[in-house]
Amino acid sequence: MEDYTYDSTQKGINTVDHAMVTTSTEIAGYKIVKNLGVARGIIVRSRSIVGSIGAGLQSLVGGNISLYTQLSEKSRSHAFDLLLEHASRLGANAVVAMRYDATEVAQGITEVLAYGTAVVVEKI
């Protein structure tokens, strides 16, 4: 199995433009010339005690719980960046069929997975 480590203190190498990532199975104006398989980015995050208390107070008022919204957005963004880094290491210049998934692995600890098919595309 491929060694998949991530050092969050260093920026990884990403050669995939955000515009070349889609939830569709094709990119308009391009043809897929090589399928490199599944690329993924996984991040596991927990809520801090301060954040949990703050979110608890927000939930008493009702409406959007912005602390959780911010944590969710940050986690998805980080998982997306890791996906692009993995696709780049595979030699891709695009990702198709991109999806997110989230699973609570323990109370207050959530895994966010961004995945898709790493491909090489050429302009038609």
PDB file of N, CA and C in Angstrom:
ATOM      1  N   MET A   1       0.839  -1.180   0.000  1.00  0.00           N
ATOM      2  CA  MET A   1       0.000   0.000   0.000  1.00  0.00           C
ATOM      3  C   MET A   1       0.883   1.244   0.000  1.00  0.00           C
ATOM      4  N   GLU A   2       0.448   2.261  -0.719  1.00  0.00           N
ATOM      5  CA  GLU A   2       1.188   3.512  -0.839  1.00  0.00           C
ATOM      6  C   GLU A   2       1.273   4.216   0.505  1.00  0.00           C
ATOM      7  N   ASP A   3       2.441   4.770   0.811  1.00  0.00           N
ATOM      8  CA  ASP A   3       2.622   5.550   2.025  1.00  0.00           C
ATOM      9  C   ASP A   3       1.908   6.884   1.842  1.00  0.00           C
ATOM     10  N   TYR A   4       0.960   7.183   2.703  1.00  0.00           N
ATOM     11  CA  TYR A   4       0.177   8.414   2.575  1.00  0.00           C
ATOM     12  C   TYR A   4       0.273   9.187   3.873  1.00  0.00           C
ATOM     13  N   THR A   5       1.301  10.008   3.982  1.00  0.00           N
ATOM     14  CA  THR A   5       1.477  10.811   5.182  1.00  0.00           C
ATOM     15  C   THR A   5       1.223  12.262   4.851  1.00  0.00           C
ATOM     16  N   TYR A   6       0.888  13.019   5.854  1.00  0.00           N
ATOM     17  CA  TYR A   6       0.637  14.440   5.653  1.00  0.00           C
ATOM     18  C   TYR A   6       1.209  15.217   6.817  1.00  0.00           C
ATOM     19  N   ASP A   7       2.015  16.201   6.518  1.00  0.00           N
ATOM     20  CA  ASP A   7       2.574  17.095   7.514  1.00  0.00           C
ATOM     21  C   ASP A   7       1.849  18.426   7.368  1.00  0.00           C
ATOM     22  N   SER A   8       0.950  18.716   8.289  1.00  0.00           N
ATOM     23  CA  SER A   8       0.122  19.913   8.170  1.00  0.00           C
ATOM     24  C   SER A   8       0.915  21.200   8.334  1.00  0.00           C
ATOM     25  N   THR A   9       2.168  21.101   8.740  1.00  0.00           N
ATOM     26  CA  THR A   9       2.989  22.301   8.891  1.00  0.00           C
ATOM     27  C   THR A   9       3.652  22.694   7.579  1.00  0.00           C
ATOM     28  N   GLN A  10       3.588  21.819   6.573  1.00  0.00           N
ATOM     29  CA  GLN A  10       4.208  22.115   5.283  1.00  0.00           C
ATOM     30  C   GLN A  10       3.168  22.036   4.182  1.00  0.00           C
ATOM     31  N   LYS A  11       3.265  22.955   3.249  1.00  0.00           N
ATOM     32  CA  LYS A  11       2.363  22.954   2.107  1.00  0.00           C
ATOM     33  C   LYS A  11       2.764  21.837   1.159  1.00  0.00           C
ATOM     34  N   GLY A  12       1.816  21.019   0.781  1.00  0.00           N
ATOM     35  CA  GLY A  12       2.091  19.943  -0.153  1.00  0.00           C
ATOM     36  C   GLY A  12       2.130  20.439  -1.586  1.00  0.00           C
ATOM     37  N   ILE A  13       2.475  19.558  -2.464  1.00  0.00           N
ATOM     38  CA  ILE A  13       2.545  19.894  -3.880  1.00  0.00           C
ATOM     39  C   ILE A  13       1.190  19.612  -4.514  1.00  0.00           C
ATOM     40  N   ASN A  14       0.631  20.625  -5.156  1.00  0.00           N
ATOM     41  CA  ASN A  14      -0.651  20.475  -5.817  1.00  0.00           C
ATOM     42  C   ASN A  14      -0.545  21.046  -7.221  1.00  0.00           C
ATOM     43  N   THR A  15      -0.798  20.211  -8.224  1.00  0.00           N
ATOM     44  CA  THR A  15      -0.767  20.669  -9.613  1.00  0.00           C
ATOM     45  C   THR A  15      -2.160  20.650 -10.243  1.00  0.00           C
ATOM     46  N   VAL A  16      -3.182  20.338  -9.449  1.00  0.00           N
ATOM     47  CA  VAL A  16      -4.547  20.272  -9.972  1.00  0.00           C
ATOM     48  C   VAL A  16      -5.246  21.601  -9.677  1.00  0.00           C
ATOM     49  N   ASP A  17      -5.666  22.286 -10.741  1.00  0.00           N
ATOM     50  CA  ASP A  17      -6.397  23.544 -10.609  1.00  0.00           C
ATOM     51  C   ASP A  17      -7.798  23.249 -10.061  1.00  0.00           C
ATOM     52  N   HIS A  18      -8.293  24.099  -9.156  1.00  0.00           N
ATOM     53  CA  HIS A  18      -9.635  23.903  -8.590  1.00  0.00           C
ATOM     54  C   HIS A  18     -10.704  23.832  -9.681  1.00  0.00           C
ATOM     55  N   ALA A  19     -10.503  24.539 -10.773  1.00  0.00           N
ATOM     56  CA  ALA A  19     -11.467  24.524 -11.869  1.00  0.00           C
ATOM     57  C   ALA A  19     -11.517  23.170 -12.579  1.00  0.00           C
ATOM     58  N   MET A  20     -10.531  22.316 -12.320  1.00  0.00           N
ATOM     59  CA  MET A  20     -10.465  21.000 -12.960  1.00  0.00           C
ATOM     60  C   MET A  20     -10.949  19.897 -12.017  1.00  0.00           C
ATOM     61  N   VAL A  21     -11.766  20.271 -11.065  1.00  0.00           N
ATOM     62  CA  VAL A  21     -12.380  19.309 -10.140  1.00  0.00           C
ATOM     63  C   VAL A  21     -13.882  19.439 -10.296  1.00  0.00           C
ATOM     64  N   THR A  22     -14.547  18.313 -10.484  1.00  0.00           N
ATOM     65  CA  THR A  22     -15.984  18.334 -10.706  1.00  0.00           C
ATOM     66  C   THR A  22     -16.660  17.140 -10.043  1.00  0.00           C
ATOM     67  N   THR A  23     -17.930  17.319  -9.716  1.00  0.00           N
ATOM     68  CA  THR A  23     -18.724  16.203  -9.204  1.00  0.00           C
ATOM     69  C   THR A  23     -19.271  15.355 -10.349  1.00  0.00           C
ATOM     70  N   SER A  24     -19.145  15.861 -11.562  1.00  0.00           N
ATOM     71  CA  SER A  24     -19.576  15.149 -12.760  1.00  0.00           C
ATOM     72  C   SER A  24     -18.518  14.105 -13.149  1.00  0.00           C
ATOM     73  N   THR A  25     -18.832  13.307 -14.140  1.00  0.00           N
ATOM     74  CA  THR A  25     -17.876  12.299 -14.621  1.00  0.00           C
ATOM     75  C   THR A  25     -17.092  12.780 -15.833  1.00  0.00           C
ATOM     76  N   GLU A  26     -17.307  14.051 -16.216  1.00  0.00           N
ATOM     77  CA  GLU A  26     -16.565  14.616 -17.335  1.00  0.00           C
ATOM     78  C   GLU A  26     -16.410  16.111 -17.135  1.00  0.00           C
ATOM     79  N   ILE A  27     -15.451  16.687 -17.847  1.00  0.00           N
ATOM     80  CA  ILE A  27     -15.215  18.128 -17.797  1.00  0.00           C
ATOM     81  C   ILE A  27     -15.423  18.662 -19.205  1.00  0.00           C
ATOM     82  N   ALA A  28     -16.344  19.600 -19.342  1.00  0.00           N
ATOM     83  CA  ALA A  28     -16.684  20.152 -20.660  1.00  0.00           C
ATOM     84  C   ALA A  28     -15.433  20.712 -21.341  1.00  0.00           C
ATOM     85  N   GLY A  29     -15.255  20.326 -22.609  1.00  0.00           N
ATOM     86  CA  GLY A  29     -14.124  20.820 -23.379  1.00  0.00           C
ATOM     87  C   GLY A  29     -12.857  19.995 -23.228  1.00  0.00           C
ATOM     88  N   TYR A  30     -12.925  18.927 -22.436  1.00  0.00           N
ATOM     89  CA  TYR A  30     -11.766  18.062 -22.195  1.00  0.00           C
ATOM     90  C   TYR A  30     -12.154  16.605 -22.374  1.00  0.00           C
ATOM     91  N   LYS A  31     -11.174  15.785 -22.722  1.00  0.00           N
ATOM     92  CA  LYS A  31     -11.414  14.343 -22.768  1.00  0.00           C
ATOM     93  C   LYS A  31     -10.447  13.667 -21.797  1.00  0.00           C
ATOM     94  N   ILE A  32     -10.945  12.638 -21.147  1.00  0.00           N
ATOM     95  CA  ILE A  32     -10.114  11.874 -20.216  1.00  0.00           C
ATOM     96  C   ILE A  32      -9.244  10.931 -21.026  1.00  0.00           C
ATOM     97  N   VAL A  33      -7.937  11.046 -20.846  1.00  0.00           N
ATOM     98  CA  VAL A  33      -7.013  10.189 -21.590  1.00  0.00           C
ATOM     99  C   VAL A  33      -6.384   9.122 -20.699  1.00  0.00           C
ATOM    100  N   LYS A  34      -6.484   9.299 -19.370  1.00  0.00           N
ATOM    101  CA  LYS A  34      -5.929   8.294 -18.468  1.00  0.00           C
ATOM    102  C   LYS A  34      -6.653   8.366 -17.123  1.00  0.00           C
ATOM    103  N   ASN A  35      -7.072   7.199 -16.639  1.00  0.00           N
ATOM    104  CA  ASN A  35      -7.698   7.080 -15.325  1.00  0.00           C
ATOM    105  C   ASN A  35      -6.629   6.586 -14.360  1.00  0.00           C
ATOM    106  N   LEU A  36      -6.364   7.351 -13.304  1.00  0.00           N
ATOM    107  CA  LEU A  36      -5.305   7.007 -12.359  1.00  0.00           C
ATOM    108  C   LEU A  36      -5.841   6.389 -11.064  1.00  0.00           C
ATOM    109  N   GLY A  37      -7.149   6.242 -10.982  1.00  0.00           N
ATOM    110  CA  GLY A  37      -7.742   5.611  -9.800  1.00  0.00           C
ATOM    111  C   GLY A  37      -8.229   6.626  -8.781  1.00  0.00           C
ATOM    112  N   VAL A  38      -8.606   6.126  -7.626  1.00  0.00           N
ATOM    113  CA  VAL A  38      -9.194   6.949  -6.567  1.00  0.00           C
ATOM    114  C   VAL A  38      -8.111   7.776  -5.869  1.00  0.00           C
ATOM    115  N   ALA A  39      -8.411   9.050  -5.708  1.00  0.00           N
ATOM    116  CA  ALA A  39      -7.572   9.940  -4.898  1.00  0.00           C
ATOM    117  C   ALA A  39      -8.431  10.356  -3.708  1.00  0.00           C
ATOM    118  N   ARG A  40      -7.791  10.589  -2.566  1.00  0.00           N
ATOM    119  CA  ARG A  40      -8.568  10.941  -1.392  1.00  0.00           C
ATOM    120  C   ARG A  40      -7.777  11.882  -0.489  1.00  0.00           C
ATOM    121  N   GLY A  41      -8.526  12.586   0.314  1.00  0.00           N
ATOM    122  CA  GLY A  41      -7.960  13.439   1.349  1.00  0.00           C
ATOM    123  C   GLY A  41      -8.767  13.209   2.604  1.00  0.00           C
ATOM    124  N   ILE A  42      -8.106  12.861   3.683  1.00  0.00           N
ATOM    125  CA  ILE A  42      -8.796  12.535   4.934  1.00  0.00           C
ATOM    126  C   ILE A  42      -8.262  13.444   6.040  1.00  0.00           C
ATOM    127  N   ILE A  43      -9.180  14.020   6.798  1.00  0.00           N
ATOM    128  CA  ILE A  43      -8.810  14.819   7.966  1.00  0.00           C
ATOM    129  C   ILE A  43      -9.716  14.388   9.118  1.00  0.00           C
ATOM    130  N   VAL A  44      -9.134  14.264  10.287  1.00  0.00           N
ATOM    131  CA  VAL A  44      -9.905  13.921  11.487  1.00  0.00           C
ATOM    132  C   VAL A  44      -9.776  15.093  12.444  1.00  0.00           C
ATOM    133  N   ARG A  45     -10.904  15.628  12.861  1.00  0.00           N
ATOM    134  CA  ARG A  45     -10.925  16.812  13.720  1.00  0.00           C
ATOM    135  C   ARG A  45     -11.793  16.557  14.944  1.00  0.00           C
ATOM    136  N   SER A  46     -11.449  17.263  16.009  1.00  0.00           N
ATOM    137  CA  SER A  46     -12.279  17.224  17.212  1.00  0.00           C
ATOM    138  C   SER A  46     -12.636  18.647  17.606  1.00  0.00           C
ATOM    139  N   ARG A  47     -13.717  18.768  18.331  1.00  0.00           N
ATOM    140  CA  ARG A  47     -14.114  20.068  18.859  1.00  0.00           C
ATOM    141  C   ARG A  47     -13.344  20.315  20.146  1.00  0.00           C
ATOM    142  N   SER A  48     -12.937  21.535  20.346  1.00  0.00           N
ATOM    143  CA  SER A  48     -12.280  21.886  21.612  1.00  0.00           C
ATOM    144  C   SER A  48     -13.359  22.087  22.677  1.00  0.00           C
ATOM    145  N   ILE A  49     -12.972  22.031  23.922  1.00  0.00           N
ATOM    146  CA  ILE A  49     -13.931  22.243  25.009  1.00  0.00           C
ATOM    147  C   ILE A  49     -14.506  23.652  24.938  1.00  0.00           C
ATOM    148  N   VAL A  50     -13.664  24.637  24.602  1.00  0.00           N
ATOM    149  CA  VAL A  50     -14.136  26.025  24.482  1.00  0.00           C
ATOM    150  C   VAL A  50     -15.140  26.131  23.342  1.00  0.00           C
ATOM    151  N   GLY A  51     -14.818  25.512  22.202  1.00  0.00           N
ATOM    152  CA  GLY A  51     -15.730  25.531  21.063  1.00  0.00           C
ATOM    153  C   GLY A  51     -17.039  24.837  21.365  1.00  0.00           C
ATOM    154  N   SER A  52     -16.982  23.737  22.088  1.00  0.00           N
ATOM    155  CA  SER A  52     -18.195  23.003  22.449  1.00  0.00           C
ATOM    156  C   SER A  52     -19.084  23.831  23.365  1.00  0.00           C
ATOM    157  N   ILE A  53     -18.475  24.521  24.318  1.00  0.00           N
ATOM    158  CA  ILE A  53     -19.259  25.374  25.224  1.00  0.00           C
ATOM    159  C   ILE A  53     -19.882  26.526  24.448  1.00  0.00           C
ATOM    160  N   GLY A  54     -19.074  27.166  23.587  1.00  0.00           N
ATOM    161  CA  GLY A  54     -19.585  28.270  22.775  1.00  0.00           C
ATOM    162  C   GLY A  54     -20.716  27.825  21.867  1.00  0.00           C
ATOM    163  N   ALA A  55     -20.559  26.686  21.236  1.00  0.00           N
ATOM    164  CA  ALA A  55     -21.603  26.161  20.347  1.00  0.00           C
ATOM    165  C   ALA A  55     -22.848  25.797  21.160  1.00  0.00           C
ATOM    166  N   GLY A  56     -22.631  25.265  22.363  1.00  0.00           N
ATOM    167  CA  GLY A  56     -23.766  24.943  23.242  1.00  0.00           C
ATOM    168  C   GLY A  56     -24.569  26.185  23.577  1.00  0.00           C
ATOM    169  N   LEU A  57     -23.873  27.273  23.849  1.00  0.00           N
ATOM    170  CA  LEU A  57     -24.557  28.535  24.133  1.00  0.00           C
ATOM    171  C   LEU A  57     -25.300  29.039  22.900  1.00  0.00           C
ATOM    172  N   GLN A  58     -24.671  28.914  21.718  1.00  0.00           N
ATOM    173  CA  GLN A  58     -25.342  29.329  20.479  1.00  0.00           C
ATOM    174  C   GLN A  58     -26.584  28.490  20.232  1.00  0.00           C
ATOM    175  N   SER A  59     -26.530  27.200  20.575  1.00  0.00           N
ATOM    176  CA  SER A  59     -27.689  26.328  20.318  1.00  0.00           C
ATOM    177  C   SER A  59     -28.879  26.700  21.200  1.00  0.00           C
ATOM    178  N   LEU A  60     -28.625  27.329  22.337  1.00  0.00           N
ATOM    179  CA  LEU A  60     -29.723  27.773  23.199  1.00  0.00           C
ATOM    180  C   LEU A  60     -30.533  28.881  22.534  1.00  0.00           C
ATOM    181  N   VAL A  61     -29.850  29.728  21.758  1.00  0.00           N
ATOM    182  CA  VAL A  61     -30.495  30.841  21.070  1.00  0.00           C
ATOM    183  C   VAL A  61     -31.217  30.351  19.818  1.00  0.00           C
ATOM    184  N   GLY A  62     -30.675  29.309  19.185  1.00  0.00           N
ATOM    185  CA  GLY A  62     -31.263  28.777  17.957  1.00  0.00           C
ATOM    186  C   GLY A  62     -30.592  29.364  16.728  1.00  0.00           C
ATOM    187  N   GLY A  63     -30.947  28.835  15.576  1.00  0.00           N
ATOM    188  CA  GLY A  63     -30.383  29.314  14.319  1.00  0.00           C
ATOM    189  C   GLY A  63     -29.076  28.630  13.982  1.00  0.00           C
ATOM    190  N   ASN A  64     -28.305  29.265  13.118  1.00  0.00           N
ATOM    191  CA  ASN A  64     -27.031  28.717  12.664  1.00  0.00           C
ATOM    192  C   ASN A  64     -26.029  28.694  13.814  1.00  0.00           C
ATOM    193  N   ILE A  65     -25.384  27.571  14.009  1.00  0.00           N
ATOM    194  CA  ILE A  65     -24.343  27.458  15.029  1.00  0.00           C
ATOM    195  C   ILE A  65     -23.025  27.700  14.312  1.00  0.00           C
ATOM    196  N   SER A  66     -22.614  28.958  14.266  1.00  0.00           N
ATOM    197  CA  SER A  66     -21.494  29.380  13.429  1.00  0.00           C
ATOM    198  C   SER A  66     -20.178  28.706  13.804  1.00  0.00           C
ATOM    199  N   LEU A  67     -19.978  28.373  15.078  1.00  0.00           N
ATOM    200  CA  LEU A  67     -18.732  27.703  15.458  1.00  0.00           C
ATOM    201  C   LEU A  67     -18.606  26.340  14.783  1.00  0.00           C
ATOM    202  N   TYR A  68     -19.706  25.600  14.718  1.00  0.00           N
ATOM    203  CA  TYR A  68     -19.685  24.295  14.050  1.00  0.00           C
ATOM    204  C   TYR A  68     -19.611  24.451  12.538  1.00  0.00           C
ATOM    205  N   THR A  69     -20.279  25.485  12.020  1.00  0.00           N
ATOM    206  CA  THR A  69     -20.225  25.751  10.587  1.00  0.00           C
ATOM    207  C   THR A  69     -18.788  26.043  10.168  1.00  0.00           C
ATOM    208  N   GLN A  70     -18.098  26.872  10.935  1.00  0.00           N
ATOM    209  CA  GLN A  70     -16.707  27.207  10.630  1.00  0.00           C
ATOM    210  C   GLN A  70     -15.807  25.974  10.715  1.00  0.00           C
ATOM    211  N   LEU A  71     -15.999  25.142  11.732  1.00  0.00           N
ATOM    212  CA  LEU A  71     -15.202  23.926  11.873  1.00  0.00           C
ATOM    213  C   LEU A  71     -15.460  22.975  10.704  1.00  0.00           C
ATOM    214  N   SER A  72     -16.721  22.836  10.307  1.00  0.00           N
ATOM    215  CA  SER A  72     -17.062  21.957   9.182  1.00  0.00           C
ATOM    216  C   SER A  72     -16.445  22.456   7.891  1.00  0.00           C
ATOM    217  N   GLU A  73     -16.537  23.769   7.650  1.00  0.00           N
ATOM    218  CA  GLU A  73     -15.974  24.339   6.419  1.00  0.00           C
ATOM    219  C   GLU A  73     -14.453  24.190   6.393  1.00  0.00           C
ATOM    220  N   LYS A  74     -13.820  24.430   7.520  1.00  0.00           N
ATOM    221  CA  LYS A  74     -12.365  24.301   7.602  1.00  0.00           C
ATOM    222  C   LYS A  74     -11.943  22.847   7.358  1.00  0.00           C
ATOM    223  N   SER A  75     -12.685  21.903   7.917  1.00  0.00           N
ATOM    224  CA  SER A  75     -12.370  20.482   7.735  1.00  0.00           C
ATOM    225  C   SER A  75     -12.541  20.065   6.283  1.00  0.00           C
ATOM    226  N   ARG A  76     -13.634  20.491   5.643  1.00  0.00           N
ATOM    227  CA  ARG A  76     -13.858  20.147   4.231  1.00  0.00           C
ATOM    228  C   ARG A  76     -12.786  20.760   3.343  1.00  0.00           C
ATOM    229  N   SER A  77     -12.426  21.997   3.624  1.00  0.00           N
ATOM    230  CA  SER A  77     -11.391  22.674   2.845  1.00  0.00           C
ATOM    231  C   SER A  77     -10.047  21.944   2.971  1.00  0.00           C
ATOM    232  N   HIS A  78      -9.711  21.530   4.176  1.00  0.00           N
ATOM    233  CA  HIS A  78      -8.452  20.819   4.408  1.00  0.00           C
ATOM    234  C   HIS A  78      -8.468  19.456   3.694  1.00  0.00           C
ATOM    235  N   ALA A  79      -9.581  18.733   3.794  1.00  0.00           N
ATOM    236  CA  ALA A  79      -9.700  17.438   3.119  1.00  0.00           C
ATOM    237  C   ALA A  79      -9.603  17.614   1.602  1.00  0.00           C
ATOM    238  N   PHE A  80     -10.204  18.684   1.079  1.00  0.00           N
ATOM    239  CA  PHE A  80     -10.145  18.974  -0.357  1.00  0.00           C
ATOM    240  C   PHE A  80      -8.704  19.226  -0.796  1.00  0.00           C
ATOM    241  N   ASP A  81      -7.965  20.030  -0.013  1.00  0.00           N
ATOM    242  CA  ASP A  81      -6.556  20.291  -0.331  1.00  0.00           C
ATOM    243  C   ASP A  81      -5.743  18.994  -0.337  1.00  0.00           C
ATOM    244  N   LEU A  82      -6.012  18.121   0.619  1.00  0.00           N
ATOM    245  CA  LEU A  82      -5.304  16.835   0.677  1.00  0.00           C
ATOM    246  C   LEU A  82      -5.653  15.968  -0.527  1.00  0.00           C
ATOM    247  N   LEU A  83      -6.917  16.003  -0.951  1.00  0.00           N
ATOM    248  CA  LEU A  83      -7.337  15.280  -2.157  1.00  0.00           C
ATOM    249  C   LEU A  83      -6.532  15.757  -3.362  1.00  0.00           C
ATOM    250  N   LEU A  84      -6.406  17.066  -3.533  1.00  0.00           N
ATOM    251  CA  LEU A  84      -5.673  17.601  -4.680  1.00  0.00           C
ATOM    252  C   LEU A  84      -4.190  17.237  -4.617  1.00  0.00           C
ATOM    253  N   GLU A  85      -3.627  17.237  -3.415  1.00  0.00           N
ATOM    254  CA  GLU A  85      -2.229  16.833  -3.264  1.00  0.00           C
ATOM    255  C   GLU A  85      -2.044  15.364  -3.647  1.00  0.00           C
ATOM    256  N   HIS A  86      -2.970  14.505  -3.208  1.00  0.00           N
ATOM    257  CA  HIS A  86      -2.876  13.079  -3.535  1.00  0.00           C
ATOM    258  C   HIS A  86      -3.033  12.869  -5.043  1.00  0.00           C
ATOM    259  N   ALA A  87      -4.008  13.545  -5.650  1.00  0.00           N
ATOM    260  CA  ALA A  87      -4.212  13.436  -7.101  1.00  0.00           C
ATOM    261  C   ALA A  87      -2.964  13.905  -7.851  1.00  0.00           C
ATOM    262  N   SER A  88      -2.350  14.966  -7.370  1.00  0.00           N
ATOM    263  CA  SER A  88      -1.113  15.477  -7.991  1.00  0.00           C
ATOM    264  C   SER A  88      -0.004  14.439  -7.920  1.00  0.00           C
ATOM    265  N   ARG A  89       0.143  13.800  -6.762  1.00  0.00           N
ATOM    266  CA  ARG A  89       1.182  12.769  -6.611  1.00  0.00           C
ATOM    267  C   ARG A  89       0.931  11.583  -7.540  1.00  0.00           C
ATOM    268  N   LEU A  90      -0.330  11.330  -7.858  1.00  0.00           N
ATOM    269  CA  LEU A  90      -0.657  10.242  -8.783  1.00  0.00           C
ATOM    270  C   LEU A  90      -0.384  10.634 -10.232  1.00  0.00           C
ATOM    271  N   GLY A  91      -0.180  11.939 -10.499  1.00  0.00           N
ATOM    272  CA  GLY A  91       0.088  12.408 -11.855  1.00  0.00           C
ATOM    273  C   GLY A  91      -1.122  13.000 -12.545  1.00  0.00           C
ATOM    274  N   ALA A  92      -2.183  13.275 -11.798  1.00  0.00           N
ATOM    275  CA  ALA A  92      -3.423  13.804 -12.383  1.00  0.00           C
ATOM    276  C   ALA A  92      -3.322  15.300 -12.650  1.00  0.00           C
ATOM    277  N   ASN A  93      -4.144  15.746 -13.583  1.00  0.00           N
ATOM    278  CA  ASN A  93      -4.327  17.183 -13.774  1.00  0.00           C
ATOM    279  C   ASN A  93      -5.800  17.559 -13.597  1.00  0.00           C
ATOM    280  N   ALA A  94      -6.620  16.558 -13.175  1.00  0.00           N
ATOM    281  CA  ALA A  94      -8.038  16.800 -12.918  1.00  0.00           C
ATOM    282  C   ALA A  94      -8.581  15.702 -11.998  1.00  0.00           C
ATOM    283  N   VAL A  95      -9.726  16.001 -11.384  1.00  0.00           N
ATOM    284  CA  VAL A  95     -10.426  15.016 -10.550  1.00  0.00           C
ATOM    285  C   VAL A  95     -11.894  15.059 -10.949  1.00  0.00           C
ATOM    286  N   VAL A  96     -12.457  13.899 -11.268  1.00  0.00           N
ATOM    287  CA  VAL A  96     -13.875  13.798 -11.604  1.00  0.00           C
ATOM    288  C   VAL A  96     -14.581  12.965 -10.539  1.00  0.00           C
ATOM    289  N   ALA A  97     -15.904  13.060 -10.531  1.00  0.00           N
ATOM    290  CA  ALA A  97     -16.744  12.314  -9.579  1.00  0.00           C
ATOM    291  C   ALA A  97     -16.339  12.600  -8.136  1.00  0.00           C
ATOM    292  N   MET A  98     -16.010  13.863  -7.851  1.00  0.00           N
ATOM    293  CA  MET A  98     -15.556  14.254  -6.509  1.00  0.00           C
ATOM    294  C   MET A  98     -16.733  14.253  -5.537  1.00  0.00           C
ATOM    295  N   ARG A  99     -16.493  13.761  -4.342  1.00  0.00           N
ATOM    296  CA  ARG A  99     -17.503  13.686  -3.286  1.00  0.00           C
ATOM    297  C   ARG A  99     -16.880  13.975  -1.930  1.00  0.00           C
ATOM    298  N   TYR A 100     -17.742  14.310  -0.957  1.00  0.00           N
ATOM    299  CA  TYR A 100     -17.357  14.418   0.450  1.00  0.00           C
ATOM    300  C   TYR A 100     -18.129  13.374   1.238  1.00  0.00           C
ATOM    301  N   ASP A 101     -17.528  12.928   2.329  1.00  0.00           N
ATOM    302  CA  ASP A 101     -18.206  12.046   3.272  1.00  0.00           C
ATOM    303  C   ASP A 101     -17.712  12.431   4.660  1.00  0.00           C
ATOM    304  N   ALA A 102     -18.553  12.291   5.643  1.00  0.00           N
ATOM    305  CA  ALA A 102     -18.156  12.591   7.022  1.00  0.00           C
ATOM    306  C   ALA A 102     -18.703  11.505   7.932  1.00  0.00           C
ATOM    307  N   THR A 103     -17.895  11.103   8.889  1.00  0.00           N
ATOM    308  CA  THR A 103     -18.273  10.065   9.835  1.00  0.00           C
ATOM    309  C   THR A 103     -17.799  10.470  11.220  1.00  0.00           C
ATOM    310  N   GLU A 104     -18.670  10.322  12.196  1.00  0.00           N
ATOM    311  CA  GLU A 104     -18.247  10.557  13.569  1.00  0.00           C
ATOM    312  C   GLU A 104     -17.581   9.277  14.055  1.00  0.00           C
ATOM    313  N   VAL A 105     -16.272   9.331  14.297  1.00  0.00           N
ATOM    314  CA  VAL A 105     -15.519   8.130  14.692  1.00  0.00           C
ATOM    315  C   VAL A 105     -15.554   7.920  16.200  1.00  0.00           C
ATOM    316  N   ALA A 106     -15.806   8.973  16.949  1.00  0.00           N
ATOM    317  CA  ALA A 106     -15.990   8.911  18.403  1.00  0.00           C
ATOM    318  C   ALA A 106     -16.739  10.182  18.773  1.00  0.00           C
ATOM    319  N   GLN A 107     -17.238  10.247  19.984  1.00  0.00           N
ATOM    320  CA  GLN A 107     -17.999  11.426  20.382  1.00  0.00           C
ATOM    321  C   GLN A 107     -17.126  12.676  20.261  1.00  0.00           C
ATOM    322  N   GLY A 108     -17.579  13.607  19.424  1.00  0.00           N
ATOM    323  CA  GLY A 108     -16.860  14.858  19.237  1.00  0.00           C
ATOM    324  C   GLY A 108     -15.690  14.790  18.270  1.00  0.00           C
ATOM    325  N   ILE A 109     -15.461  13.615  17.665  1.00  0.00           N
ATOM    326  CA  ILE A 109     -14.360  13.454  16.708  1.00  0.00           C
ATOM    327  C   ILE A 109     -14.945  13.022  15.367  1.00  0.00           C
ATOM    328  N   THR A 110     -14.673  13.822  14.351  1.00  0.00           N
ATOM    329  CA  THR A 110     -15.257  13.570  13.037  1.00  0.00           C
ATOM    330  C   THR A 110     -14.174  13.424  11.980  1.00  0.00           C
ATOM    331  N   GLU A 111     -14.363  12.416  11.135  1.00  0.00           N
ATOM    332  CA  GLU A 111     -13.497  12.208   9.978  1.00  0.00           C
ATOM    333  C   GLU A 111     -14.201  12.820   8.775  1.00  0.00           C
ATOM    334  N   VAL A 112     -13.478  13.633   8.013  1.00  0.00           N
ATOM    335  CA  VAL A 112     -14.010  14.178   6.770  1.00  0.00           C
ATOM    336  C   VAL A 112     -13.158  13.637   5.636  1.00  0.00           C
ATOM    337  N   LEU A 113     -13.817  13.067   4.658  1.00  0.00           N
ATOM    338  CA  LEU A 113     -13.148  12.451   3.519  1.00  0.00           C
ATOM    339  C   LEU A 113     -13.590  13.167   2.250  1.00  0.00           C
ATOM    340  N   ALA A 114     -12.632  13.609   1.466  1.00  0.00           N
ATOM    341  CA  ALA A 114     -12.884  14.138   0.127  1.00  0.00           C
ATOM    342  C   ALA A 114     -12.269  13.121  -0.830  1.00  0.00           C
ATOM    343  N   TYR A 115     -13.034  12.656  -1.812  1.00  0.00           N
ATOM    344  CA  TYR A 115     -12.499  11.642  -2.722  1.00  0.00           C
ATOM    345  C   TYR A 115     -13.062  11.832  -4.123  1.00  0.00           C
ATOM    346  N   GLY A 116     -12.354  11.258  -5.074  1.00  0.00           N
ATOM    347  CA  GLY A 116     -12.774  11.322  -6.462  1.00  0.00           C
ATOM    348  C   GLY A 116     -11.827  10.504  -7.310  1.00  0.00           C
ATOM    349  N   THR A 117     -12.056  10.521  -8.592  1.00  0.00           N
ATOM    350  CA  THR A 117     -11.221   9.785  -9.529  1.00  0.00           C
ATOM    351  C   THR A 117     -10.191  10.726 -10.130  1.00  0.00           C
ATOM    352  N   ALA A 118      -8.917  10.402  -9.881  1.00  0.00           N
ATOM    353  CA  ALA A 118      -7.812  11.188 -10.440  1.00  0.00           C
ATOM    354  C   ALA A 118      -7.651  10.822 -11.908  1.00  0.00           C
ATOM    355  N   VAL A 119      -7.616  11.829 -12.770  1.00  0.00           N
ATOM    356  CA  VAL A 119      -7.516  11.580 -14.202  1.00  0.00           C
ATOM    357  C   VAL A 119      -6.548  12.559 -14.852  1.00  0.00           C
ATOM    358  N   VAL A 120      -6.111  12.164 -16.039  1.00  0.00           N
ATOM    359  CA  VAL A 120      -5.350  13.066 -16.907  1.00  0.00           C
ATOM    360  C   VAL A 120      -6.308  13.440 -18.034  1.00  0.00           C
ATOM    361  N   VAL A 121      -6.461  14.741 -18.274  1.00  0.00           N
ATOM    362  CA  VAL A 121      -7.348  15.200 -19.342  1.00  0.00           C
ATOM    363  C   VAL A 121      -6.563  16.037 -20.332  1.00  0.00           C
ATOM    364  N   GLU A 122      -7.108  16.071 -21.549  1.00  0.00           N
ATOM    365  CA  GLU A 122      -6.546  16.916 -22.613  1.00  0.00           C
ATOM    366  C   GLU A 122      -7.671  17.735 -23.202  1.00  0.00           C
ATOM    367  N   LYS A 123      -7.363  18.950 -23.590  1.00  0.00           N
ATOM    368  CA  LYS A 123      -8.341  19.826 -24.231  1.00  0.00           C
ATOM    369  C   LYS A 123      -8.766  19.214 -25.568  1.00  0.00           C
ATOM    370  N   ILE A 124     -10.041  19.264 -25.854  1.00  0.00           N
ATOM    371  CA  ILE A 124     -10.561  18.705 -27.109  1.00  0.00           C
ATOM    372  C   ILE A 124     -10.298  19.692 -28.244  1.00  0.00           C
TER     373      ILE A 124
END
